[in-house]
Protein backbone atom coordinates (compact mmCIF):
# COMPACT_ATOMS: atom_id res chain seq x y z
CA MET A 1 12.93 58.89 131.36
CA ALA A 2 11.44 56.17 128.71
CA PRO A 3 12.13 57.00 124.72
CA ARG A 4 9.33 58.49 122.89
CA LEU A 5 7.70 55.96 120.70
CA THR A 6 6.94 57.20 116.78
CA LEU A 7 5.26 55.89 114.03
CA ASP A 8 8.42 55.51 111.91
CA SER A 9 10.53 53.52 114.54
CA LEU A 10 7.64 50.68 114.71
CA PRO A 11 8.66 47.43 112.20
CA VAL A 12 7.49 47.48 108.67
CA GLU A 13 5.09 44.35 109.64
CA LEU A 14 3.22 46.60 112.35
CA VAL A 15 2.95 49.62 109.94
CA HIS A 16 1.52 47.17 107.39
CA ALA A 17 -0.83 45.90 110.27
CA ILE A 18 -1.94 49.47 111.27
CA ALA A 19 -2.08 50.85 107.42
CA PHE A 20 -3.80 47.84 105.61
CA GLY A 21 -5.10 45.45 108.00
CA SER A 22 -7.42 47.94 110.42
CA ASN A 23 -9.77 49.43 108.24
CA VAL A 24 -9.68 52.40 109.75
CA LEU A 25 -7.04 54.38 106.80
CA ASP A 26 -8.34 54.65 103.45
CA VAL A 27 -6.23 55.08 100.25
CA ARG A 28 -5.84 58.80 100.63
CA ASP A 29 -5.27 58.42 104.64
CA ILE A 30 -2.39 55.98 103.51
CA GLY A 31 -0.75 58.31 100.58
CA ALA A 32 -0.56 60.81 103.10
CA LEU A 33 1.02 58.83 105.91
CA ALA A 34 3.52 57.26 103.20
CA MET A 35 4.28 61.15 102.60
CA THR A 36 5.17 62.35 106.06
CA CYS A 37 8.37 61.24 106.45
CA SER A 38 11.21 58.90 104.15
CA ALA A 39 10.97 55.92 106.65
CA MET A 40 6.79 55.92 105.91
CA ASN A 41 7.56 55.84 102.41
CA ALA A 42 9.82 53.22 102.32
CA ALA A 43 7.51 51.05 104.29
CA LEU A 44 4.13 51.82 102.65
CA ALA A 45 5.51 52.35 99.14
CA GLY A 46 9.11 51.38 98.73
CA ASP A 47 8.78 48.02 97.24
CA GLY A 48 6.24 45.94 95.36
CA TYR A 49 4.75 44.11 97.86
CA SER A 50 3.73 47.29 99.39
CA ARG A 51 2.28 48.89 96.66
CA SER A 52 0.23 46.13 95.85
CA ARG A 53 -1.33 46.26 99.13
CA TRP A 54 -2.19 49.68 98.99
CA ARG A 55 -3.55 49.88 95.42
CA ALA A 56 -5.38 46.75 96.57
CA ARG A 57 -7.48 49.31 98.56
CA LEU A 58 -9.04 51.18 95.31
CA GLY A 59 -10.82 47.71 94.88
CA LEU A 60 -11.16 45.35 92.01
CA HIS A 61 -12.42 47.47 89.27
CA ALA A 62 -9.83 50.27 89.88
CA CYS A 63 -7.03 47.84 89.33
CA GLY A 64 -8.42 46.12 86.56
CA GLU A 65 -8.97 49.22 84.80
CA ARG A 66 -5.36 50.22 85.52
CA SER A 67 -3.65 46.44 84.86
CA TRP A 68 -2.61 46.33 88.44
CA TRP A 69 -2.84 42.63 88.49
CA ARG A 70 -1.07 41.76 91.72
CA SER A 71 -3.42 44.40 93.24
CA ALA A 72 -6.35 43.01 91.79
CA ARG A 73 -5.83 39.77 92.98
CA ARG A 74 -5.24 40.88 96.50
CA ALA A 75 -8.69 42.75 96.26
CA LEU A 76 -9.99 39.85 94.76
CA HIS A 77 -8.42 37.69 97.73
CA GLU A 78 -9.77 40.21 100.59
CA HIS A 79 -13.37 40.55 98.69
CA ARG A 80 -13.02 44.47 98.38
CA PHE A 81 -16.08 44.62 96.09
CA ASP A 82 -18.03 47.58 95.78
CA ILE A 83 -21.39 47.11 94.41
CA ASP A 84 -22.79 50.06 94.15
CA ALA A 85 -19.35 51.12 92.48
CA THR A 86 -20.77 48.38 89.97
CA VAL A 87 -23.69 49.97 89.32
CA ARG A 88 -22.38 53.30 88.64
CA TRP A 89 -19.44 51.80 86.30
CA GLN A 90 -22.54 50.24 84.22
CA VAL A 91 -24.01 53.90 83.59
CA ARG A 92 -20.66 55.06 82.69
CA VAL A 93 -20.47 52.20 80.12
CA GLN A 94 -23.87 53.05 78.80
CA SER A 95 -23.17 56.90 78.67
CA SER A 96 -19.61 57.14 77.54
CA GLU A 97 -17.65 55.59 74.70
CA ARG A 98 -14.40 55.87 77.14
CA ALA A 99 -15.74 54.13 79.87
CA VAL A 100 -16.24 51.28 77.30
CA THR A 101 -12.77 50.70 76.93
CA ARG A 102 -12.51 50.63 80.51
CA ASP A 103 -14.94 47.86 80.57
CA GLU A 104 -13.01 45.76 78.38
CA ARG A 105 -9.90 46.51 80.35
CA VAL A 106 -11.76 44.84 83.44
CA ALA A 107 -13.22 41.91 81.16
CA THR A 108 -9.38 41.31 80.46
CA LEU A 109 -9.05 40.95 84.29
CA TRP A 110 -11.83 38.77 84.75
CA GLY A 111 -10.64 36.21 81.38
CA THR A 112 -6.94 36.62 83.32
CA LEU A 113 -8.72 35.11 86.28
CA SER A 114 -10.47 32.51 84.15
CA SER A 115 -7.87 31.27 82.38
CA ARG A 116 -5.56 28.21 83.22
CA ASP A 117 -2.27 29.82 84.03
CA ALA A 118 -3.86 32.48 86.20
CA SER A 119 -2.76 31.46 89.63
CA SER A 120 0.79 30.83 88.50
CA SER A 121 1.34 34.04 86.82
CA TRP A 122 1.16 35.87 90.06
CA PRO A 123 3.86 35.86 93.25
CA LYS A 124 4.02 33.07 95.32
CA ASN A 125 3.88 35.14 98.27
CA ILE A 126 -0.12 36.29 97.64
CA VAL A 127 -1.13 32.86 96.27
CA ASP A 128 -2.96 30.51 98.94
CA ASP A 129 -1.46 27.18 99.45
CA GLU A 130 -4.19 25.37 97.59
CA ALA A 131 -4.18 23.59 93.87
CA ASP A 132 -4.06 25.86 91.45
CA ASP A 133 -7.03 24.66 89.98
CA GLU A 134 -9.19 24.90 92.95
CA LEU A 135 -7.78 28.17 93.77
CA ARG A 136 -8.79 29.27 90.31
CA TYR A 137 -12.23 28.08 90.42
CA ARG A 138 -13.10 29.56 93.78
CA LEU A 139 -11.90 32.79 92.69
CA ILE A 140 -14.63 32.66 90.09
CA ALA A 141 -17.28 31.21 92.13
CA ASP A 142 -16.24 34.47 94.50
CA LEU A 143 -16.55 36.64 92.25
CA LEU A 144 -19.94 35.66 90.62
CA ALA A 145 -21.22 35.34 94.00
CA ALA A 146 -20.14 38.83 95.24
CA GLU A 147 -20.91 40.85 91.84
CA PRO A 148 -24.49 40.29 91.31
CA GLY A 149 -24.11 43.35 89.01
CA LEU A 150 -21.34 41.87 86.71
CA PRO A 151 -21.94 43.54 83.10
CA ALA A 152 -22.35 41.18 80.19
CA LYS A 153 -19.74 42.14 78.15
CA MET A 154 -17.50 40.67 81.05
CA LEU A 155 -19.04 37.82 80.95
CA ARG A 156 -19.00 37.29 77.35
CA ALA A 157 -14.80 38.12 77.19
CA ALA A 158 -14.46 35.64 80.13
CA THR A 159 -16.12 32.80 78.09
CA ARG A 160 -14.41 33.45 75.23
CA MET A 161 -10.95 33.40 76.68
CA ALA A 162 -11.96 30.41 78.81
CA VAL A 163 -13.32 28.78 75.05
CA ARG A 164 -9.92 29.92 73.50
CA LYS A 165 -8.07 28.34 76.49
CA GLY A 166 -9.84 24.69 76.04
CA ASP A 167 -10.73 25.03 79.81
CA VAL A 168 -13.80 22.87 79.73
CA GLU A 169 -15.01 23.32 83.69
CA ALA A 170 -14.62 27.10 83.37
CA THR A 171 -16.73 27.23 80.59
CA VAL A 172 -19.25 25.16 82.17
CA MET A 173 -19.42 27.24 84.96
CA LEU A 174 -19.42 30.69 82.85
CA LEU A 175 -22.18 28.96 80.82
CA ASP A 176 -24.22 28.27 83.85
CA HIS A 177 -24.34 31.23 85.26
CA GLY A 178 -26.93 31.83 82.91
CA ARG A 179 -26.47 35.18 81.37
CA VAL A 180 -24.27 34.53 78.08
CA ALA A 181 -25.61 34.23 74.90
CA ASP A 182 -23.20 34.16 72.25
CA ALA A 183 -23.14 32.92 68.87
CA GLU A 184 -19.58 33.35 67.93
CA LEU A 185 -18.27 31.04 70.87
CA LEU A 186 -17.48 27.97 68.27
CA ARG A 187 -15.13 30.30 66.57
CA TYR A 188 -12.93 30.45 69.65
CA VAL A 189 -12.52 26.75 69.86
CA GLN A 190 -8.74 26.43 69.89
CA THR A 191 -7.37 24.72 66.64
CA ARG A 192 -4.30 23.32 68.52
CA GLY A 193 -4.05 21.26 71.67
CA ASP A 194 -5.84 18.34 72.61
CA ARG A 195 -8.65 17.30 70.03
CA GLU A 196 -10.74 15.48 72.63
CA VAL A 197 -11.06 18.38 74.67
CA GLY A 198 -12.09 20.24 71.61
CA ASP A 199 -14.40 18.18 70.75
CA GLU A 200 -15.70 18.15 74.73
CA LEU A 201 -16.04 21.87 74.49
CA VAL A 202 -17.97 21.74 71.24
CA ASP A 203 -20.51 19.74 72.62
CA VAL A 204 -20.86 21.96 75.67
CA LEU A 205 -21.22 24.60 74.05
CA VAL A 206 -23.82 23.27 71.16
CA ASN A 207 -26.04 21.93 73.96
CA ASN A 208 -26.03 25.12 75.85
CA PRO A 209 -29.67 26.88 75.37
CA GLY A 210 -27.26 30.26 75.51
CA VAL A 211 -25.33 29.41 72.51
CA ASP A 212 -26.00 29.98 69.08
CA VAL A 213 -24.80 27.94 66.08
CA ASP A 214 -23.99 29.89 63.09
CA VAL A 215 -22.38 29.66 59.67
CA ALA A 216 -19.17 31.13 60.61
CA GLY A 217 -18.26 29.12 63.50
CA TRP A 218 -19.30 25.91 62.01
CA THR A 219 -16.96 26.42 59.06
CA ALA A 220 -14.20 27.83 61.32
CA LEU A 221 -14.61 23.88 62.93
CA LEU A 222 -13.69 22.81 59.52
CA ARG A 223 -11.19 24.85 58.42
CA ALA A 224 -9.25 24.05 61.67
CA GLY A 225 -9.56 20.23 60.93
CA ARG A 226 -11.99 19.37 63.63
CA VAL A 227 -13.94 17.45 61.04
CA ALA A 228 -15.42 14.97 63.75
CA ALA A 229 -16.69 18.14 65.76
CA ALA A 230 -18.13 19.86 62.50
CA ARG A 231 -20.11 16.69 61.67
CA TYR A 232 -21.50 16.59 65.28
CA VAL A 233 -22.29 20.25 65.24
CA LEU A 234 -23.83 19.44 61.62
CA ALA A 235 -26.42 16.69 63.15
CA HIS A 236 -27.72 18.72 65.74
CA PRO A 237 -31.14 19.64 65.92
CA LYS A 238 -30.13 23.29 66.57
CA SER A 239 -27.66 23.30 63.39
CA HIS A 240 -30.41 22.36 61.23
CA ALA A 241 -32.77 25.23 62.34
CA ALA A 242 -29.50 27.81 62.00
CA LEU A 243 -27.85 26.53 58.93
CA MET A 244 -30.14 25.21 56.56
CA VAL A 245 -32.62 27.85 56.50
CA PRO A 246 -33.69 28.86 52.73
CA GLY A 247 -32.52 32.47 52.33
CA THR A 248 -29.34 32.58 54.68
CA VAL A 249 -25.97 32.73 53.91
CA ASP A 250 -25.12 29.52 51.64
CA VAL A 251 -22.79 27.42 54.12
CA VAL A 252 -21.89 25.11 51.15
CA VAL A 253 -19.89 27.42 49.02
CA THR A 254 -18.08 28.47 52.35
CA ALA A 255 -17.86 24.83 53.59
CA LEU A 256 -16.08 23.56 50.27
CA ARG A 257 -13.42 26.43 50.17
CA ALA A 258 -12.57 25.43 54.01
CA CYS A 259 -12.64 22.16 53.04
CA SER A 260 -10.18 22.27 50.84
CA VAL A 261 -7.29 22.95 52.87
CA VAL A 262 -8.31 20.39 55.35
CA ASP A 263 -5.98 16.97 55.10
CA ASP A 264 -8.48 14.56 56.44
CA SER A 265 -10.20 11.78 54.78
CA ASP A 266 -13.66 12.33 56.51
CA ALA A 267 -14.02 16.04 55.08
CA ALA A 268 -14.95 15.27 51.58
CA ALA A 269 -18.04 12.73 53.13
CA THR A 270 -19.22 15.26 55.28
CA ILE A 271 -19.37 17.93 53.02
CA LEU A 272 -20.76 16.00 50.16
CA ALA A 273 -23.46 14.52 52.56
CA LEU A 274 -24.49 18.33 53.61
CA ALA A 275 -24.14 19.08 49.42
CA GLN A 276 -27.13 16.48 49.02
CA HIS A 277 -29.38 18.20 51.54
CA ALA A 278 -32.55 19.10 49.88
CA MET A 279 -32.45 22.87 50.60
CA TYR A 280 -29.36 23.22 48.74
CA SER A 281 -28.82 23.77 45.21
CA PRO A 282 -25.19 23.88 44.18
CA THR A 283 -23.89 25.70 41.39
CA ASN A 284 -20.74 24.73 38.64
CA ALA A 285 -18.24 26.67 41.17
CA ASP A 286 -19.04 24.24 44.14
CA LEU A 287 -18.40 21.26 41.76
CA VAL A 288 -15.04 22.72 40.62
CA ALA A 289 -14.25 22.80 44.40
CA VAL A 290 -15.22 19.57 44.81
CA SER A 291 -13.47 18.55 42.06
CA SER A 292 -9.97 19.53 43.68
CA PHE A 293 -10.16 17.42 46.73
CA ALA A 294 -12.59 14.69 46.86
CA PRO A 295 -12.60 11.46 45.31
CA LEU A 296 -13.76 10.23 42.51
CA ALA A 297 -16.90 8.15 43.84
CA HIS A 298 -17.68 11.45 45.92
CA VAL A 299 -17.50 13.73 42.87
CA GLN A 300 -19.68 11.05 40.94
CA ALA A 301 -22.18 11.20 43.84
CA PHE A 302 -22.05 14.91 43.81
CA LEU A 303 -22.72 15.23 39.94
CA ALA A 304 -25.41 12.49 40.44
CA ALA A 305 -27.30 14.06 42.91
CA HIS A 306 -27.26 17.44 40.86
CA PRO A 307 -27.66 16.25 37.49
CA TYR A 308 -28.03 19.93 36.08
CA LEU A 309 -24.26 20.67 36.63
CA GLU A 310 -22.02 20.31 34.00
CA LEU A 311 -18.49 19.37 33.57
CA THR A 312 -16.08 22.21 32.42
CA CYS A 313 -12.63 22.70 31.61
CA ARG A 314 -12.21 24.53 34.65
CA ALA A 315 -12.95 21.76 36.56
CA ALA A 316 -10.58 19.69 34.95
CA SER A 317 -7.76 22.18 35.05
CA THR A 318 -8.49 22.64 38.88
CA ALA A 319 -8.31 18.28 39.58
CA ALA A 320 -5.41 18.69 37.34
CA ARG A 321 -3.49 21.25 39.22
CA ALA A 322 -4.40 19.47 42.66
CA GLY A 323 -3.01 15.95 41.33
CA ASN A 324 -6.57 14.73 41.47
CA VAL A 325 -5.68 12.16 38.52
CA ASP A 326 -8.67 10.02 38.65
CA VAL A 327 -11.23 12.63 38.68
CA PHE A 328 -9.27 14.44 35.82
CA ARG A 329 -9.35 11.44 33.74
CA TRP A 330 -13.43 10.91 34.71
CA ILE A 331 -13.95 14.70 33.69
CA MET A 332 -11.84 14.06 30.58
CA SER A 333 -13.68 10.61 29.66
CA GLU A 334 -16.94 12.59 29.79
CA GLY A 335 -16.43 14.78 26.59
CA VAL A 336 -14.81 17.65 28.02
CA ALA A 337 -12.56 18.92 25.27
CA PRO A 338 -8.83 19.30 26.30
CA THR A 339 -7.55 22.72 26.02
CA SER A 340 -4.23 24.35 26.44
CA ASN A 341 -5.30 25.61 29.60
CA ILE A 342 -5.18 22.22 31.08
CA ILE A 343 -1.70 21.59 30.12
CA TYR A 344 -0.61 24.35 31.82
CA ALA A 345 -2.46 23.55 34.99
CA ALA A 346 -0.88 19.97 35.12
CA ILE A 347 2.40 22.14 35.10
CA ARG A 348 1.61 24.57 37.58
CA GLY A 349 0.78 21.64 39.75
CA GLY A 350 3.87 19.88 38.87
CA GLN A 351 2.08 17.02 37.33
CA ALA A 352 4.80 15.78 34.83
CA VAL A 353 3.30 12.59 34.10
CA LEU A 354 -0.17 14.17 33.37
CA ALA A 355 1.43 17.20 31.51
CA ASP A 356 3.30 14.70 29.22
CA GLU A 357 0.35 12.73 28.10
CA LEU A 358 -1.61 15.51 27.41
CA ILE A 359 0.95 17.29 25.44
CA THR A 360 1.39 14.02 23.34
CA GLU A 361 -2.33 13.51 23.15
CA LEU A 362 -3.01 17.19 22.13
CA LYS A 363 0.12 17.43 19.79
CA PHE A 364 0.86 20.78 21.62
CA ARG A 365 4.14 22.15 20.99
CA PRO A 366 5.46 23.53 24.65
CA SER A 367 7.02 27.21 24.72
CA GLN A 368 9.35 28.48 26.93
CA TYR A 369 6.37 30.01 28.81
CA CYS A 370 5.88 26.30 30.10
CA LEU A 371 9.22 25.79 31.24
CA LYS A 372 9.01 29.69 32.97
CA GLU A 373 5.76 28.35 34.48
CA ALA A 374 7.33 25.24 35.78
CA VAL A 375 10.70 27.01 37.35
CA ARG A 376 8.06 29.76 39.05
CA ALA A 377 6.35 26.66 40.56
CA ASN A 378 9.82 25.10 41.86
CA HIS A 379 8.89 21.75 40.13
CA SER A 380 11.95 20.11 38.93
CA ALA A 381 10.13 16.97 37.23
CA VAL A 382 8.49 19.08 35.21
CA VAL A 383 11.58 21.24 34.52
CA ASP A 384 13.75 17.92 33.43
CA LEU A 385 10.65 16.73 31.22
CA LEU A 386 10.67 19.99 29.08
CA LEU A 387 14.50 20.13 28.54
CA ALA A 388 14.94 16.26 28.13
CA LYS A 389 12.09 15.50 25.86
CA TYR A 390 10.59 18.89 24.50
CA ALA A 391 14.28 20.60 23.48
CA LEU A 392 13.54 23.82 25.26
CA CYS A 393 16.27 25.99 26.22
CA ALA A 394 17.22 27.10 29.63
CA SER A 395 18.57 30.64 30.49
CA ASP A 396 19.85 32.88 32.58
CA ASP A 397 16.80 34.57 33.58
CA LEU A 398 15.44 30.97 34.57
CA LEU A 399 18.09 30.02 37.07
CA LYS A 400 18.01 33.61 38.67
CA THR A 401 14.48 32.92 39.07
CA ALA A 402 15.23 29.04 40.21
CA ALA A 403 17.97 30.80 42.76
CA ARG A 404 15.63 33.65 44.09
CA ASN A 405 13.39 30.75 45.18
CA ASP A 406 15.93 29.05 46.97
CA SER A 407 15.07 25.61 44.80
CA ALA A 408 17.85 23.76 44.43
CA SER A 409 16.64 20.88 42.70
CA VAL A 410 15.45 23.30 39.67
CA VAL A 411 18.98 24.94 39.82
CA ALA A 412 20.51 21.91 39.13
CA ALA A 413 17.66 20.65 36.49
CA LEU A 414 18.38 23.80 34.52
CA LEU A 415 22.01 23.68 35.17
CA ARG A 416 21.98 20.04 33.28
CA ASP A 417 21.13 22.01 29.87
CA ASP A 418 24.69 23.34 28.86
CA SER A 419 23.56 25.51 25.81
CA PHE A 420 23.65 28.94 27.92
CA ALA A 421 26.40 30.82 29.86
CA ILE A 422 26.11 31.82 33.23
CA THR A 423 26.31 35.65 33.79
CA PRO A 424 27.46 37.39 37.14
CA ALA A 425 23.85 38.08 37.98
CA ALA A 426 22.84 34.47 38.15
CA VAL A 427 25.79 33.69 40.46
CA ARG A 428 24.81 36.91 42.64
CA PHE A 429 21.38 35.61 42.90
CA ALA A 430 22.71 32.01 44.06
CA ALA A 431 25.24 33.25 46.24
CA PHE A 432 22.95 33.92 49.03
CA SER A 433 21.19 30.39 49.29
CA ASP A 434 23.07 27.53 50.34
CA GLY A 435 20.93 24.77 48.26
CA PRO A 436 21.20 26.82 45.24
CA TYR A 437 24.64 27.70 45.53
CA ARG A 438 25.82 24.17 45.95
CA ALA A 439 24.19 22.89 43.11
CA LEU A 440 25.71 25.91 41.00
CA LEU A 441 29.00 25.12 42.27
CA ALA A 442 28.56 21.09 41.84
CA ALA A 443 27.25 20.97 38.49
CA VAL A 444 28.87 24.00 36.54
CA ALA A 445 31.71 22.91 34.07
CA GLN A 446 34.60 25.06 32.85
CA PRO A 447 33.32 27.36 30.26
CA ARG A 448 30.05 28.06 31.73
CA LEU A 449 31.38 30.91 34.01
CA ALA A 450 32.60 34.29 32.85
CA PRO A 451 36.36 34.28 34.19
CA THR A 452 35.95 37.60 36.39
CA CYS A 453 32.58 36.81 37.87
CA LEU A 454 32.76 33.71 40.32
CA PRO A 455 35.35 35.04 42.96
CA ARG A 456 33.74 37.86 43.67
CA HIS A 457 30.01 36.54 44.86
CA VAL A 458 31.80 33.32 46.01
CA ALA A 459 33.70 36.14 48.49
CA ALA A 460 30.28 37.78 49.13
CA ALA A 461 28.40 34.46 49.96
CA LEU A 462 31.03 33.39 52.46
CA LEU A 463 31.00 36.80 53.98
CA ALA A 464 27.34 36.48 54.36
CA ASP A 465 27.85 33.28 56.42
CA THR A 466 25.40 31.63 54.27
CA VAL A 467 27.28 28.53 53.10
CA GLU A 468 29.21 25.81 55.14
CA PRO A 469 32.73 25.77 55.78
CA ASP A 470 32.90 22.83 53.63
CA LEU A 471 31.98 24.40 50.44
CA PHE A 472 35.39 25.95 50.89
CA LEU A 473 36.64 22.23 49.57
CA ILE A 474 34.71 22.70 46.31
CA VAL A 475 35.52 26.24 45.65
CA ARG A 476 39.30 25.15 45.88
CA HIS A 477 38.62 22.51 43.43
CA LEU A 478 36.76 24.39 41.05
CA PHE A 479 39.35 27.10 40.90
CA ALA A 480 41.84 24.52 40.46
CA VAL A 481 40.31 23.41 37.33
CA LEU A 482 39.03 26.78 35.81
CA GLY A 483 42.32 28.17 36.51
CA HIS A 484 41.16 31.50 37.16
CA THR A 485 43.27 34.61 38.60
CA ASP A 486 41.15 37.67 38.29
CA ASN A 487 39.75 38.51 42.02
CA VAL A 488 41.67 35.38 43.56
CA VAL A 489 43.17 37.65 46.27
CA GLU A 490 39.40 39.21 46.79
CA LEU A 491 38.12 35.72 47.57
CA PHE A 492 40.93 34.41 49.72
CA ASP A 493 40.36 37.59 52.10
CA ALA A 494 37.16 36.73 52.17
CA LEU A 495 37.94 33.06 53.37
CA ALA A 496 40.29 34.04 55.72
CA ARG A 497 37.65 36.09 57.66
CA LEU A 498 35.05 33.65 57.85
CA MET A 499 37.73 30.73 58.98
CA GLN A 500 40.22 32.62 60.73
CA PRO A 501 41.42 30.56 62.87
CA SER A 502 41.81 27.94 59.96
CA ALA A 503 44.89 29.28 58.68
CA ALA A 504 45.98 25.81 57.49
CA ASP A 505 43.04 25.59 55.10
CA VAL A 506 43.59 28.85 53.90
CA ARG A 507 47.26 28.51 53.14
CA ASP A 508 46.30 25.01 51.44
CA ALA A 509 44.25 26.62 49.12
CA MET A 510 46.65 28.97 48.20
CA LEU A 511 49.57 26.88 47.83
CA SER A 512 47.25 24.95 45.19
CA PHE A 513 46.69 28.13 43.17
CA ALA A 514 50.25 29.45 43.66
CA SER A 515 51.03 28.68 39.86
CA HIS A 516 47.91 30.93 38.97
CA MET A 517 48.49 33.58 41.24
CA ALA A 518 49.94 36.99 40.45
CA PRO A 519 53.32 38.37 42.64
CA ASN A 520 51.01 40.77 44.52
CA THR A 521 49.46 37.68 46.34
CA MET A 522 53.02 37.13 48.52
CA PHE A 523 52.34 40.82 49.79
CA TRP A 524 48.99 40.14 50.49
CA ALA A 525 49.51 36.90 52.60
CA ALA A 526 52.33 39.08 54.38
CA ARG A 527 49.56 41.50 55.37
CA MET A 528 47.70 38.72 56.75
CA ARG A 529 50.43 37.91 59.15
CA PHE A 530 50.27 34.13 57.83
CA ASP A 531 54.21 33.84 57.75
CA ASP A 532 54.52 30.17 56.71
CA VAL A 533 52.09 31.13 53.58
CA SER A 534 54.47 34.19 53.04
CA LYS A 535 57.67 31.63 53.12
CA ALA A 536 55.67 29.01 51.06
CA LEU A 537 54.30 31.50 48.52
CA GLN A 538 58.13 33.31 47.86
CA GLU A 539 59.52 30.12 47.39
CA LEU A 540 56.99 29.14 44.53
CA LEU A 541 56.54 32.53 43.26
CA ALA A 542 60.51 33.10 43.22
CA PRO A 543 61.18 32.93 39.38
CA ASP A 544 57.98 35.10 38.63
CA ILE A 545 59.41 37.85 41.10
CA ALA A 546 62.66 37.50 39.64
């Protein structure tokens, strides 16, 4: 008698062919079949591949709504599209706020398909042997052909993602589909990556009739440093109609602010060319912005084109703080009265030479406030000037500020003034920054530190792993000079824990301090199980113990 042939005895490949390849069973039927026995459950839902094939029967939209990307890729490959479902879906989008969220999820799926790394993000066993780019564009074309009712929101999301990825070909394909009109696309041009690709993408967007040019998109290009692309957009006839219509947002004010953070020699010429447009009437605030970054010739041209503008103390202060010295000197030569605010601006900008000239010219007597501003701004050259030439005094509070700012050069400059004592609080602030702490230990002299404050904070810094091991030698030398005895056990306890394998270094340092140590140091050494150290200390400290 021949054995009975049951479904659960069939090979898994044959079960898959029946369930997924016959188009006889729908999703519910496959689920019911998987629940009949453990063998069917393992064959139809026991691994990721089987589950992705099962879920793909739901179709592209359902998989996209649930973020089942492997299943969505398979549904797309098998052309499982429900056109009627698309129509019903659009009705839900128009009538339900919750459906809009689902629409955005499916738009994310579409954006994933149009991204550069889409194919490589799926498992290799469900990706064709074609090249990744060819597969990606074929998928896009198939989806556009199979979904005549594709919502505009999905196309906008996909186009924005293609622009953000810098994918020129995908952007052209989506724009040629003819149903994308998005004024914000210029904002999504990636600021990183290949500059030539970015310029080509800008050219595609600006010359497409469905893409508008707005102020935000244009200034985003300028702020991103794409000055050539911004100039190209500005010269386009579409841009003149969009940007220079009277009554719109003042594009030049926004552009001047954006241009002030762009490190490009062409930026000033671009903006000043725009500023000379007949429809633009700048204000003194625009002149202040120009004074911060533009060369002298451009500032003079800007002022000549708009003679009603006035050179003010604010413009001079802005130029001084930005280090635009030529513009500053020209503004001052035009009769602007110098004030203390200009000196403060030069100090905050780190312009030591300029600040010195202004102080001398105005016979200004710098105060401690000037030194405080220089320390806050981390300008060591100005700090040196104020301490050396104008007899200002450093203080423990200023040292704490410099240490908090992690400015080793300012800490070193302040320590060159030996008129103040270093307190434990200043050491604590410096102990957790490598640069300031090295400057503190290298420049300090014997009377500057309270005998009880340094070891504790040296230990804290070493335990925090914020200093290099070679700082140990500096600490040893410092204590050899100072001859401090307080808290030295705590210091070496920290050193031993930080540099535990290097018992020899700890031994050498302890021996160098043996003449200053209290007798209980021997017992600490014994507790650390450094037998050779303990013996050496017993010999050195024998007279004290006796």
